Amino acid sequence: MTAAQAITLDAGARTRVIAPEIDLHAGLARFVLDELLQIGRKAHWYVAKIRSVGEVFEPFADHVLMRARRSSRFVEGSDQLRACRT
């Protein structure tokens, strides 16, 4: 095993790592990507907390809010609503 304080790898066009298994252990890992393509047969994620910010979730949230604002309901039989002030 070789240890170093820092390693910088700067490739002009492409870097490829091919191995049967790759382990990455870090207190903090940053990935800045213009595009992410992940291909695999299985994905296992073990996380305690997920924070996601992106344009992908915004249209979905807008759709859910629009449906909540414009919902209607048809009731057969009796309908009972109880509300209380808090």
Protein backbone atom coordinates (compact mmCIF):
# COMPACT_ATOMS: atom_id res chain seq x y z
CA MET A 1 0.00 0.00 0.00
CA THR A 2 1.23 3.48 -0.90
CA ALA A 3 0.17 6.59 1.02
CA ALA A 4 0.21 10.21 -0.13
CA GLN A 5 -1.14 13.51 1.19
CA ALA A 6 -2.77 14.32 -2.14
CA ILE A 7 -2.99 12.86 -5.63
CA THR A 8 -4.07 14.89 -8.65
CA LEU A 9 -4.93 13.16 -11.91
CA ASP A 10 -5.55 15.52 -14.82
CA ALA A 11 -6.32 13.89 -18.17
CA GLY A 12 -6.96 15.95 -21.27
CA ALA A 13 -9.52 13.67 -22.88
CA ARG A 14 -10.42 10.56 -20.88
CA THR A 15 -9.49 8.52 -17.83
CA ARG A 16 -10.52 4.90 -17.53
CA VAL A 17 -10.26 2.60 -14.52
CA ILE A 18 -10.93 -1.08 -15.13
CA ALA A 19 -10.96 -3.48 -12.19
CA PRO A 20 -13.10 -6.31 -10.86
CA GLU A 21 -13.75 -4.25 -7.73
CA ILE A 22 -13.13 -0.63 -6.72
CA ASP A 23 -13.36 0.63 -3.13
CA LEU A 24 -13.56 4.32 -2.25
CA HIS A 25 -13.49 5.31 1.40
CA ALA A 26 -13.68 9.01 2.30
CA GLY A 27 -15.17 11.28 4.89
CA LEU A 28 -16.46 13.50 2.09
CA ALA A 29 -16.68 12.71 -1.62
CA ARG A 30 -17.49 15.33 -4.25
CA PHE A 31 -18.49 14.57 -7.82
CA VAL A 32 -19.11 17.43 -10.22
CA LEU A 33 -20.53 16.09 -13.48
CA ASP A 34 -22.12 17.69 -16.51
CA GLU A 35 -23.89 14.43 -17.29
CA LEU A 36 -24.20 11.19 -15.33
CA LEU A 37 -24.79 7.86 -17.02
CA GLN A 38 -24.95 4.81 -14.78
CA ILE A 39 -25.43 1.37 -16.23
CA GLY A 40 -25.70 -1.66 -14.00
CA ARG A 41 -27.71 -4.73 -13.20
CA LYS A 42 -28.17 -3.89 -9.51
CA ALA A 43 -27.91 -0.78 -7.37
CA HIS A 44 -27.72 -0.85 -3.59
CA TRP A 45 -27.77 2.43 -1.71
CA TYR A 46 -27.47 2.66 2.05
CA VAL A 47 -28.01 6.25 3.17
CA ALA A 48 -29.14 7.95 6.34
CA LYS A 49 -30.28 11.20 4.71
CA ILE A 50 -30.80 12.32 1.13
CA ARG A 51 -30.88 15.95 0.08
CA SER A 52 -31.77 16.55 -3.51
CA VAL A 53 -31.94 19.80 -5.38
CA GLY A 54 -32.71 19.68 -9.05
CA GLU A 55 -34.92 20.64 -11.89
CA VAL A 56 -36.18 17.08 -12.20
CA PHE A 57 -38.28 17.25 -9.03
CA GLU A 58 -39.70 20.73 -9.65
CA PRO A 59 -42.20 19.72 -12.39
CA PHE A 60 -43.37 16.78 -10.25
CA ALA A 61 -43.92 19.03 -7.22
CA ASP A 62 -45.78 21.56 -9.37
CA HIS A 63 -48.03 18.79 -10.70
CA VAL A 64 -48.85 17.56 -7.20
CA LEU A 65 -49.64 21.09 -5.98
CA MET A 66 -51.81 21.78 -9.03
CA ARG A 67 -53.78 18.58 -8.42
CA ALA A 68 -54.24 19.50 -4.76
CA ARG A 69 -55.57 22.97 -5.67
CA ARG A 70 -57.98 21.65 -8.29
CA SER A 71 -59.25 18.47 -6.70
CA SER A 72 -62.92 17.60 -6.55
CA ARG A 73 -64.69 14.69 -5.00
CA PHE A 74 -67.89 12.80 -5.61
CA VAL A 75 -69.57 11.18 -2.62
CA GLU A 76 -72.29 8.58 -2.60
CA GLY A 77 -74.10 8.21 0.69
CA SER A 78 -73.08 10.28 3.67
CA ASP A 79 -70.02 12.48 4.01
CA GLN A 80 -68.82 13.71 7.37
CA LEU A 81 -66.16 16.30 8.08
CA ARG A 82 -64.92 17.20 11.54
CA ALA A 83 -62.63 20.13 12.02
CA CYS A 84 -61.24 21.77 15.08
CA ARG A 85 -59.33 24.96 15.75
CA THR A 86 -55.89 24.65 17.20
